[in-house]
Amino acid sequence: MVKKKISKALSAALIVSMLATGVIVAIQGKTTLEVAKSAGDKKVEVIK
């Protein structure tokens, strides 16, 4: 009984950590895309 509870808690913790990692990766991906976009916009301004 106790082992089942521990394994359930571990699997729940794993799922939560995976979700959190996914969210962090998504945020980082978005910011890097925005940085690349703004850098590209600056290059376009320089060319003009």
C-alpha atoms as a PDB file:
ATOM      1  CA  MET A   1       0.000   0.000   0.000  1.00  0.00           C
ATOM      2  CA  VAL A   2       2.723   2.454   0.982  1.00  0.00           C
ATOM      3  CA  LYS A   3       4.823   1.556  -2.072  1.00  0.00           C
ATOM      4  CA  LYS A   4       1.866   2.301  -4.365  1.00  0.00           C
ATOM      5  CA  LYS A   5       1.410   5.739  -2.808  1.00  0.00           C
ATOM      6  CA  ILE A   6       5.117   6.514  -3.155  1.00  0.00           C
ATOM      7  CA  SER A   7       5.189   5.440  -6.822  1.00  0.00           C
ATOM      8  CA  LYS A   8       2.048   7.488  -7.513  1.00  0.00           C
ATOM      9  CA  ALA A   9       3.614  10.529  -5.858  1.00  0.00           C
ATOM     10  CA  LEU A  10       6.826  10.030  -7.848  1.00  0.00           C
ATOM     11  CA  SER A  11       4.994   9.692 -11.160  1.00  0.00           C
ATOM     12  CA  ALA A  12       2.914  12.794 -10.363  1.00  0.00           C
ATOM     13  CA  ALA A  13       6.083  14.727  -9.497  1.00  0.00           C
ATOM     14  CA  LEU A  14       7.692  13.551 -12.737  1.00  0.00           C
ATOM     15  CA  ILE A  15       4.698  14.696 -14.796  1.00  0.00           C
ATOM     16  CA  VAL A  16       4.661  18.094 -13.058  1.00  0.00           C
ATOM     17  CA  SER A  17       8.397  18.572 -13.610  1.00  0.00           C
ATOM     18  CA  MET A  18       8.050  17.585 -17.287  1.00  0.00           C
ATOM     19  CA  LEU A  19       5.217  20.082 -17.738  1.00  0.00           C
ATOM     20  CA  ALA A  20       7.248  22.800 -16.010  1.00  0.00           C
ATOM     21  CA  THR A  21      10.236  22.032 -18.237  1.00  0.00           C
ATOM     22  CA  GLY A  22       8.010  22.233 -21.311  1.00  0.00           C
ATOM     23  CA  VAL A  23       6.676  25.617 -20.231  1.00  0.00           C
ATOM     24  CA  ILE A  24      10.198  26.940 -19.557  1.00  0.00           C
ATOM     25  CA  VAL A  25      11.421  25.679 -22.944  1.00  0.00           C
ATOM     26  CA  ALA A  26       8.413  27.297 -24.649  1.00  0.00           C
ATOM     27  CA  ILE A  27       9.107  30.637 -22.923  1.00  0.00           C
ATOM     28  CA  GLN A  28      12.812  30.490 -23.809  1.00  0.00           C
ATOM     29  CA  GLY A  29      12.001  29.547 -27.408  1.00  0.00           C
ATOM     30  CA  LYS A  30       9.634  32.500 -27.703  1.00  0.00           C
ATOM     31  CA  THR A  31      12.147  34.979 -26.290  1.00  0.00           C
ATOM     32  CA  THR A  32      14.957  33.714 -28.548  1.00  0.00           C
ATOM     33  CA  LEU A  33      12.629  34.024 -31.545  1.00  0.00           C
ATOM     34  CA  GLU A  34      11.737  37.584 -30.530  1.00  0.00           C
ATOM     35  CA  VAL A  35      15.419  38.467 -30.072  1.00  0.00           C
ATOM     36  CA  ALA A  36      16.249  37.063 -33.523  1.00  0.00           C
ATOM     37  CA  LYS A  37      13.295  38.960 -34.997  1.00  0.00           C
ATOM     38  CA  SER A  38      14.333  42.284 -33.428  1.00  0.00           C
ATOM     39  CA  ALA A  39      17.933  41.707 -34.563  1.00  0.00           C
ATOM     40  CA  GLY A  40      16.629  41.089 -38.082  1.00  0.00           C
ATOM     41  CA  ASP A  41      14.553  44.292 -37.925  1.00  0.00           C
ATOM     42  CA  LYS A  42      17.639  46.268 -36.892  1.00  0.00           C
ATOM     43  CA  LYS A  43      19.606  44.827 -39.809  1.00  0.00           C
ATOM     44  CA  VAL A  44      16.806  45.853 -42.182  1.00  0.00           C
ATOM     45  CA  GLU A  45      16.922  49.403 -40.766  1.00  0.00           C
ATOM     46  CA  VAL A  46      20.689  49.579 -41.295  1.00  0.00           C
ATOM     47  CA  ILE A  47      20.341  48.444 -44.918  1.00  0.00           C
ATOM     48  CA  LYS A  48      17.668  51.101 -45.573  1.00  0.00           C
END
